[in-house]
Amino acid sequence: MFVNSGEVQLSVGRLSNTLDKGAVVALRPGAETIRFQALSEQSDVLVFSIKSMLGLTMRRPDEPAIQELPEPSLNAFAFGACFGLAQAIPPSTPRVERELQDAADAVARSLLKQWVMPQDDHADLRGEALRFIRVHAIDQALTPGKVAAEFGVSERKLQAVFQQSDETVVRIIRRSRAELASILLDDDPTCDPAVAATRSGFTSAKFMRAALGERDGDERPPHPLVAISD
């Protein structure tokens, strides 16, 4: 949600924020009823709603219902992109519809990546790294080395933090991708496995299937995968 002008009070459940011109916030999917109250004579608000894999990771109830996004340059760019998308005529073909969806998803990702930002003091390196991995797991190029570099620590130090709880960074990345794949397949059981794999960060449906089985363990069998024939 973008506040283009004026001042508004945004309330979600018991949480309430006063937002001035230029403020941008992400709202947790599935949160309580959203309420707006204009606090100035004229207030313009743009609401950008899209079903995005990255946005789906915000579903957890422990995430704040309102998350302020602090980067003004990204926010200003995204506002222009969202306004342009809102004015676009309806797509004439499925191919164009997919391309518009990809464009909208890219804008959403640029915004939602602000949702988790490394802290300077790294008081809880493991917690911050876990959140960072959850947000960036859809990037097929994500590696333990890249996670460590994001936090300005060595890969060895990062691995040692996770080894204290008998975990590895690679396994956390794989589990996060499996969680995204499970959400995607639950929402659309007819989704092509290859598409589900790519959208959740895997390089193939085979690797996704193995990760789903590892994640589920003995709790339940791996999620059924339904292939779509031409």
C-alpha atoms as a PDB file:
ATOM      1  CA  MET A   1       0.000   0.000   0.000  1.00  0.00           C
ATOM      2  CA  PHE A   2       1.361   3.414  -1.054  1.00  0.00           C
ATOM      3  CA  VAL A   3       0.355   6.765   0.441  1.00  0.00           C
ATOM      4  CA  ASN A   4       0.676   9.125  -2.508  1.00  0.00           C
ATOM      5  CA  SER A   5      -0.538  12.229  -0.679  1.00  0.00           C
ATOM      6  CA  GLY A   6      -2.051  13.343   2.603  1.00  0.00           C
ATOM      7  CA  GLU A   7      -2.036  11.314   5.814  1.00  0.00           C
ATOM      8  CA  VAL A   8      -3.979   8.183   6.744  1.00  0.00           C
ATOM      9  CA  GLN A   9      -4.433   5.962   9.739  1.00  0.00           C
ATOM     10  CA  LEU A  10      -4.173   2.276   8.827  1.00  0.00           C
ATOM     11  CA  SER A  11      -5.570  -0.285  11.254  1.00  0.00           C
ATOM     12  CA  VAL A  12      -5.335  -4.070  11.016  1.00  0.00           C
ATOM     13  CA  GLY A  13      -6.878  -5.829  13.984  1.00  0.00           C
ATOM     14  CA  ARG A  14      -5.441  -4.185  17.099  1.00  0.00           C
ATOM     15  CA  LEU A  15      -2.423  -2.807  15.239  1.00  0.00           C
ATOM     16  CA  SER A  16      -2.613   0.780  14.014  1.00  0.00           C
ATOM     17  CA  ASN A  17      -0.105   2.942  12.096  1.00  0.00           C
ATOM     18  CA  THR A  18      -0.277   6.589  11.023  1.00  0.00           C
ATOM     19  CA  LEU A  19       1.202   6.935   7.540  1.00  0.00           C
ATOM     20  CA  ASP A  20       2.349  10.163   5.910  1.00  0.00           C
ATOM     21  CA  LYS A  21       2.878  10.977   2.239  1.00  0.00           C
ATOM     22  CA  GLY A  22       5.489   8.627   0.736  1.00  0.00           C
ATOM     23  CA  ALA A  23       4.932   5.804   3.218  1.00  0.00           C
ATOM     24  CA  VAL A  24       4.804   2.264   1.833  1.00  0.00           C
ATOM     25  CA  VAL A  25       3.724  -0.812   3.791  1.00  0.00           C
ATOM     26  CA  ALA A  26       3.224  -4.511   3.138  1.00  0.00           C
ATOM     27  CA  LEU A  27       0.142  -6.124   4.657  1.00  0.00           C
ATOM     28  CA  ARG A  28       0.274  -9.736   5.805  1.00  0.00           C
ATOM     29  CA  PRO A  29      -1.970 -12.023   3.701  1.00  0.00           C
ATOM     30  CA  GLY A  30      -4.919 -13.319   5.672  1.00  0.00           C
ATOM     31  CA  ALA A  31      -4.687 -10.618   8.331  1.00  0.00           C
ATOM     32  CA  GLU A  32      -7.745  -9.152  10.002  1.00  0.00           C
ATOM     33  CA  THR A  33     -10.036  -6.563   8.396  1.00  0.00           C
ATOM     34  CA  ILE A  34      -8.117  -3.570   7.058  1.00  0.00           C
ATOM     35  CA  ARG A  35      -9.460  -0.093   7.892  1.00  0.00           C
ATOM     36  CA  PHE A  36      -8.416   3.316   6.540  1.00  0.00           C
ATOM     37  CA  GLN A  37      -9.130   6.737   7.990  1.00  0.00           C
ATOM     38  CA  ALA A  38      -8.084   9.907   6.180  1.00  0.00           C
ATOM     39  CA  LEU A  39      -6.441  12.407   8.527  1.00  0.00           C
ATOM     40  CA  SER A  40      -6.036  15.246   6.028  1.00  0.00           C
ATOM     41  CA  GLU A  41      -8.378  17.048   3.664  1.00  0.00           C
ATOM     42  CA  GLN A  42      -7.265  14.955   0.704  1.00  0.00           C
ATOM     43  CA  SER A  43      -5.433  11.629   0.874  1.00  0.00           C
ATOM     44  CA  ASP A  44      -4.558   9.417  -2.109  1.00  0.00           C
ATOM     45  CA  VAL A  45      -3.731   5.760  -1.489  1.00  0.00           C
ATOM     46  CA  LEU A  46      -2.696   3.094  -4.002  1.00  0.00           C
ATOM     47  CA  VAL A  47      -3.275  -0.542  -3.049  1.00  0.00           C
ATOM     48  CA  PHE A  48      -1.283  -3.124  -5.039  1.00  0.00           C
ATOM     49  CA  SER A  49      -2.603  -6.671  -4.600  1.00  0.00           C
ATOM     50  CA  ILE A  50      -0.959  -9.658  -6.259  1.00  0.00           C
ATOM     51  CA  LYS A  51      -0.629 -13.348  -5.554  1.00  0.00           C
ATOM     52  CA  SER A  52       3.143 -13.728  -5.307  1.00  0.00           C
ATOM     53  CA  MET A  53       5.271 -16.628  -4.087  1.00  0.00           C
ATOM     54  CA  LEU A  54       7.326 -14.232  -2.021  1.00  0.00           C
ATOM     55  CA  GLY A  55       4.205 -12.672  -0.544  1.00  0.00           C
ATOM     56  CA  LEU A  56       2.937 -16.099   0.458  1.00  0.00           C
ATOM     57  CA  THR A  57       5.895 -16.473   2.832  1.00  0.00           C
ATOM     58  CA  MET A  58       4.377 -13.644   4.906  1.00  0.00           C
ATOM     59  CA  ARG A  59       1.326 -15.745   5.793  1.00  0.00           C
ATOM     60  CA  ARG A  60       2.750 -16.885   9.125  1.00  0.00           C
ATOM     61  CA  PRO A  61       0.832 -15.502  12.130  1.00  0.00           C
ATOM     62  CA  ASP A  62       4.106 -14.507  13.831  1.00  0.00           C
ATOM     63  CA  GLU A  63       4.742 -11.943  11.070  1.00  0.00           C
ATOM     64  CA  PRO A  64       3.504  -8.378  11.759  1.00  0.00           C
ATOM     65  CA  ALA A  65       0.209  -7.494  10.082  1.00  0.00           C
ATOM     66  CA  ILE A  66       1.738  -4.188   8.905  1.00  0.00           C
ATOM     67  CA  GLN A  67       5.348  -4.079   7.725  1.00  0.00           C
ATOM     68  CA  GLU A  68       6.802  -0.687   6.771  1.00  0.00           C
ATOM     69  CA  LEU A  69       9.125  -0.711   3.752  1.00  0.00           C
ATOM     70  CA  PRO A  70      11.966   1.787   4.225  1.00  0.00           C
ATOM     71  CA  GLU A  71      13.685   2.220   0.835  1.00  0.00           C
ATOM     72  CA  PRO A  72      12.392   5.418  -0.848  1.00  0.00           C
ATOM     73  CA  SER A  73      14.092   4.840  -4.221  1.00  0.00           C
ATOM     74  CA  LEU A  74      12.646   1.340  -4.634  1.00  0.00           C
ATOM     75  CA  ASN A  75       9.294   2.457  -3.325  1.00  0.00           C
ATOM     76  CA  ALA A  76       9.068   5.375  -5.763  1.00  0.00           C
ATOM     77  CA  PHE A  77       9.998   3.125  -8.691  1.00  0.00           C
ATOM     78  CA  ALA A  78       7.464   0.491  -7.605  1.00  0.00           C
ATOM     79  CA  PHE A  79       4.733   3.115  -7.272  1.00  0.00           C
ATOM     80  CA  GLY A  80       5.241   4.182 -10.889  1.00  0.00           C
ATOM     81  CA  ALA A  81       5.274   0.563 -12.044  1.00  0.00           C
ATOM     82  CA  CYS A  82       2.115  -0.292 -10.093  1.00  0.00           C
ATOM     83  CA  PHE A  83       0.313   2.783 -11.424  1.00  0.00           C
ATOM     84  CA  GLY A  84       1.282   1.766 -14.962  1.00  0.00           C
ATOM     85  CA  LEU A  85       0.087  -1.798 -14.437  1.00  0.00           C
ATOM     86  CA  ALA A  86      -3.238  -0.506 -13.127  1.00  0.00           C
ATOM     87  CA  GLN A  87      -3.740   1.484 -16.331  1.00  0.00           C
ATOM     88  CA  ALA A  88      -2.799  -1.372 -18.671  1.00  0.00           C
ATOM     89  CA  ILE A  89      -5.575  -2.660 -20.910  1.00  0.00           C
ATOM     90  CA  PRO A  90      -6.651  -6.288 -20.375  1.00  0.00           C
ATOM     91  CA  PRO A  91      -4.235  -8.755 -22.007  1.00  0.00           C
ATOM     92  CA  SER A  92      -5.334 -10.086 -25.393  1.00  0.00           C
ATOM     93  CA  THR A  93      -3.598 -13.471 -25.220  1.00  0.00           C
ATOM     94  CA  PRO A  94      -2.511 -15.951 -22.516  1.00  0.00           C
ATOM     95  CA  ARG A  95       1.122 -15.179 -23.380  1.00  0.00           C
ATOM     96  CA  VAL A  96       0.652 -11.470 -22.716  1.00  0.00           C
ATOM     97  CA  GLU A  97      -1.246 -12.282 -19.527  1.00  0.00           C
ATOM     98  CA  ARG A  98       1.710 -14.373 -18.295  1.00  0.00           C
ATOM     99  CA  GLU A  99       4.164 -11.616 -19.173  1.00  0.00           C
ATOM    100  CA  LEU A 100       2.111  -9.026 -17.277  1.00  0.00           C
ATOM    101  CA  GLN A 101       1.905 -11.384 -14.323  1.00  0.00           C
ATOM    102  CA  ASP A 102       5.699 -11.817 -14.379  1.00  0.00           C
ATOM    103  CA  ALA A 103       6.171  -8.045 -14.518  1.00  0.00           C
ATOM    104  CA  ALA A 104       3.815  -7.501 -11.588  1.00  0.00           C
ATOM    105  CA  ASP A 105       5.534 -10.253  -9.606  1.00  0.00           C
ATOM    106  CA  ALA A 106       8.934  -8.649 -10.217  1.00  0.00           C
ATOM    107  CA  VAL A 107       7.627  -5.353  -8.821  1.00  0.00           C
ATOM    108  CA  ALA A 108       6.215  -7.151  -5.778  1.00  0.00           C
ATOM    109  CA  ARG A 109       9.533  -8.908  -5.178  1.00  0.00           C
ATOM    110  CA  SER A 110      11.455  -5.629  -5.310  1.00  0.00           C
ATOM    111  CA  LEU A 111       9.204  -4.321  -2.553  1.00  0.00           C
ATOM    112  CA  LEU A 112       8.948  -7.428  -0.398  1.00  0.00           C
ATOM    113  CA  LYS A 113      12.697  -8.006  -0.291  1.00  0.00           C
ATOM    114  CA  GLN A 114      12.730  -5.026   2.076  1.00  0.00           C
ATOM    115  CA  TRP A 115      10.587  -7.088   4.418  1.00  0.00           C
ATOM    116  CA  VAL A 116      13.736  -8.711   5.784  1.00  0.00           C
ATOM    117  CA  MET A 117      16.817  -6.525   6.091  1.00  0.00           C
ATOM    118  CA  PRO A 118      20.056  -7.610   7.821  1.00  0.00           C
ATOM    119  CA  GLN A 119      20.640  -5.748  11.088  1.00  0.00           C
ATOM    120  CA  ASP A 120      23.963  -4.040  11.747  1.00  0.00           C
ATOM    121  CA  ASP A 121      24.595  -5.692  15.103  1.00  0.00           C
ATOM    122  CA  HIS A 122      23.528  -9.245  14.099  1.00  0.00           C
ATOM    123  CA  ALA A 123      22.334  -9.902  17.648  1.00  0.00           C
ATOM    124  CA  ASP A 124      20.498 -12.959  16.337  1.00  0.00           C
ATOM    125  CA  LEU A 125      22.441 -14.059  13.277  1.00  0.00           C
ATOM    126  CA  ARG A 126      20.642 -17.386  13.040  1.00  0.00           C
ATOM    127  CA  GLY A 127      17.189 -15.805  13.220  1.00  0.00           C
ATOM    128  CA  GLU A 128      18.041 -13.129  10.677  1.00  0.00           C
ATOM    129  CA  ALA A 129      19.621 -15.659   8.328  1.00  0.00           C
ATOM    130  CA  LEU A 130      16.582 -17.940   8.581  1.00  0.00           C
ATOM    131  CA  ARG A 131      14.274 -15.084   7.632  1.00  0.00           C
ATOM    132  CA  PHE A 132      16.585 -13.978   4.817  1.00  0.00           C
ATOM    133  CA  ILE A 133      16.654 -17.518   3.409  1.00  0.00           C
ATOM    134  CA  ARG A 134      12.864 -17.816   3.582  1.00  0.00           C
ATOM    135  CA  VAL A 135      12.488 -14.635   1.539  1.00  0.00           C
ATOM    136  CA  HIS A 136      15.211 -15.392  -1.014  1.00  0.00           C
ATOM    137  CA  ALA A 137      14.786 -19.163  -1.373  1.00  0.00           C
ATOM    138  CA  ILE A 138      13.008 -18.680  -4.714  1.00  0.00           C
ATOM    139  CA  ASP A 139      16.331 -17.490  -6.146  1.00  0.00           C
ATOM    140  CA  GLN A 140      17.915 -20.588  -7.705  1.00  0.00           C
ATOM    141  CA  ALA A 141      21.345 -18.993  -7.307  1.00  0.00           C
ATOM    142  CA  LEU A 142      21.055 -18.704  -3.512  1.00  0.00           C
ATOM    143  CA  THR A 143      23.940 -20.500  -1.760  1.00  0.00           C
ATOM    144  CA  PRO A 144      25.353 -20.589   1.778  1.00  0.00           C
ATOM    145  CA  GLY A 145      28.180 -18.369   0.560  1.00  0.00           C
ATOM    146  CA  LYS A 146      25.749 -15.725  -0.682  1.00  0.00           C
ATOM    147  CA  VAL A 147      23.824 -15.797   2.591  1.00  0.00           C
ATOM    148  CA  ALA A 148      27.053 -15.323   4.554  1.00  0.00           C
ATOM    149  CA  ALA A 149      28.148 -12.470   2.277  1.00  0.00           C
ATOM    150  CA  GLU A 150      24.821 -10.691   2.814  1.00  0.00           C
ATOM    151  CA  PHE A 151      25.530 -10.573   6.546  1.00  0.00           C
ATOM    152  CA  GLY A 152      29.221  -9.769   6.234  1.00  0.00           C
ATOM    153  CA  VAL A 153      30.404 -12.985   7.922  1.00  0.00           C
ATOM    154  CA  SER A 154      32.393 -15.951   6.700  1.00  0.00           C
ATOM    155  CA  GLU A 155      30.582 -19.015   5.429  1.00  0.00           C
ATOM    156  CA  ARG A 156      32.364 -21.005   8.120  1.00  0.00           C
ATOM    157  CA  LYS A 157      30.942 -18.778  10.867  1.00  0.00           C
ATOM    158  CA  LEU A 158      27.447 -18.986   9.414  1.00  0.00           C
ATOM    159  CA  GLN A 159      27.633 -22.779   9.179  1.00  0.00           C
ATOM    160  CA  ALA A 160      28.854 -22.979  12.778  1.00  0.00           C
ATOM    161  CA  VAL A 161      25.800 -21.007  13.970  1.00  0.00           C
ATOM    162  CA  PHE A 162      23.460 -23.534  12.356  1.00  0.00           C
ATOM    163  CA  GLN A 163      25.493 -26.552  13.433  1.00  0.00           C
ATOM    164  CA  GLN A 164      24.699 -25.653  17.045  1.00  0.00           C
ATOM    165  CA  SER A 165      21.145 -26.825  16.330  1.00  0.00           C
ATOM    166  CA  ASP A 166      22.240 -29.769  14.133  1.00  0.00           C
ATOM    167  CA  GLU A 167      21.277 -27.937  10.945  1.00  0.00           C
ATOM    168  CA  THR A 168      23.093 -26.872   7.805  1.00  0.00           C
ATOM    169  CA  VAL A 169      22.496 -23.810   5.644  1.00  0.00           C
ATOM    170  CA  VAL A 170      21.979 -25.980   2.551  1.00  0.00           C
ATOM    171  CA  ARG A 171      19.275 -27.967   4.296  1.00  0.00           C
ATOM    172  CA  ILE A 172      17.536 -24.793   5.470  1.00  0.00           C
ATOM    173  CA  ILE A 173      17.525 -23.426   1.910  1.00  0.00           C
ATOM    174  CA  ARG A 174      16.135 -26.708   0.573  1.00  0.00           C
ATOM    175  CA  ARG A 175      13.459 -26.853   3.278  1.00  0.00           C
ATOM    176  CA  SER A 176      12.415 -23.249   2.602  1.00  0.00           C
ATOM    177  CA  ARG A 177      12.021 -24.027  -1.097  1.00  0.00           C
ATOM    178  CA  ALA A 178       9.988 -27.119  -0.217  1.00  0.00           C
ATOM    179  CA  GLU A 179       7.704 -24.959   1.929  1.00  0.00           C
ATOM    180  CA  LEU A 180       7.141 -22.592  -0.993  1.00  0.00           C
ATOM    181  CA  ALA A 181       6.487 -25.523  -3.348  1.00  0.00           C
ATOM    182  CA  SER A 182       3.987 -27.005  -0.915  1.00  0.00           C
ATOM    183  CA  ILE A 183       2.102 -23.696  -0.696  1.00  0.00           C
ATOM    184  CA  LEU A 184       2.034 -23.396  -4.481  1.00  0.00           C
ATOM    185  CA  LEU A 185       0.810 -26.966  -5.002  1.00  0.00           C
ATOM    186  CA  ASP A 186      -1.802 -26.667  -2.264  1.00  0.00           C
ATOM    187  CA  ASP A 187      -3.159 -23.509  -3.888  1.00  0.00           C
ATOM    188  CA  ASP A 188      -3.166 -25.068  -7.376  1.00  0.00           C
ATOM    189  CA  PRO A 189      -3.070 -28.902  -7.391  1.00  0.00           C
ATOM    190  CA  THR A 190      -3.075 -28.912 -11.216  1.00  0.00           C
ATOM    191  CA  CYS A 191       0.141 -26.883 -11.408  1.00  0.00           C
ATOM    192  CA  ASP A 192       2.769 -28.386 -13.699  1.00  0.00           C
ATOM    193  CA  PRO A 193       5.542 -29.824 -11.446  1.00  0.00           C
ATOM    194  CA  ALA A 194       8.254 -28.201 -13.579  1.00  0.00           C
ATOM    195  CA  VAL A 195       6.587 -24.797 -13.162  1.00  0.00           C
ATOM    196  CA  ALA A 196       6.120 -25.330  -9.422  1.00  0.00           C
ATOM    197  CA  ALA A 197       9.781 -26.278  -9.104  1.00  0.00           C
ATOM    198  CA  THR A 198      11.016 -23.195 -10.943  1.00  0.00           C
ATOM    199  CA  ARG A 199       8.742 -20.817  -9.017  1.00  0.00           C
ATOM    200  CA  SER A 200       9.886 -22.199  -5.672  1.00  0.00           C
ATOM    201  CA  GLY A 201      13.626 -22.078  -6.420  1.00  0.00           C
ATOM    202  CA  PHE A 202      14.377 -25.635  -7.535  1.00  0.00           C
ATOM    203  CA  THR A 203      16.192 -26.448 -10.750  1.00  0.00           C
ATOM    204  CA  SER A 204      13.996 -29.470 -11.499  1.00  0.00           C
ATOM    205  CA  ALA A 205      10.811 -31.238 -10.408  1.00  0.00           C
ATOM    206  CA  LYS A 206      12.968 -34.200  -9.342  1.00  0.00           C
ATOM    207  CA  PHE A 207      14.842 -32.107  -6.766  1.00  0.00           C
ATOM    208  CA  MET A 208      11.568 -30.545  -5.612  1.00  0.00           C
ATOM    209  CA  ARG A 209       9.983 -33.962  -5.129  1.00  0.00           C
ATOM    210  CA  ALA A 210      12.943 -35.162  -3.072  1.00  0.00           C
ATOM    211  CA  ALA A 211      12.905 -32.029  -0.909  1.00  0.00           C
ATOM    212  CA  LEU A 212       9.174 -32.377  -0.282  1.00  0.00           C
ATOM    213  CA  GLY A 213       9.701 -35.954   0.829  1.00  0.00           C
ATOM    214  CA  GLU A 214      12.559 -34.921   3.124  1.00  0.00           C
ATOM    215  CA  ARG A 215      10.479 -32.095   4.603  1.00  0.00           C
ATOM    216  CA  ASP A 216       7.421 -34.206   5.202  1.00  0.00           C
ATOM    217  CA  GLY A 217       9.374 -37.120   6.645  1.00  0.00           C
ATOM    218  CA  ASP A 218       7.082 -39.617   8.335  1.00  0.00           C
ATOM    219  CA  GLU A 219       4.269 -37.104   8.883  1.00  0.00           C
ATOM    220  CA  ARG A 220       2.649 -37.665   5.490  1.00  0.00           C
ATOM    221  CA  PRO A 221       3.647 -38.827   2.013  1.00  0.00           C
ATOM    222  CA  PRO A 222       5.100 -36.271  -0.429  1.00  0.00           C
ATOM    223  CA  HIS A 223       2.588 -33.908  -2.000  1.00  0.00           C
ATOM    224  CA  PRO A 224       0.996 -35.511  -5.095  1.00  0.00           C
ATOM    225  CA  LEU A 225       2.282 -33.943  -8.274  1.00  0.00           C
ATOM    226  CA  VAL A 226      -0.106 -33.615 -11.182  1.00  0.00           C
ATOM    227  CA  ALA A 227       1.404 -33.226 -14.617  1.00  0.00           C
ATOM    228  CA  ILE A 228      -0.420 -31.225 -17.261  1.00  0.00           C
ATOM    229  CA  SER A 229      -0.539 -32.768 -20.714  1.00  0.00           C
ATOM    230  CA  ASP A 230      -0.637 -30.678 -23.836  1.00  0.00           C
END
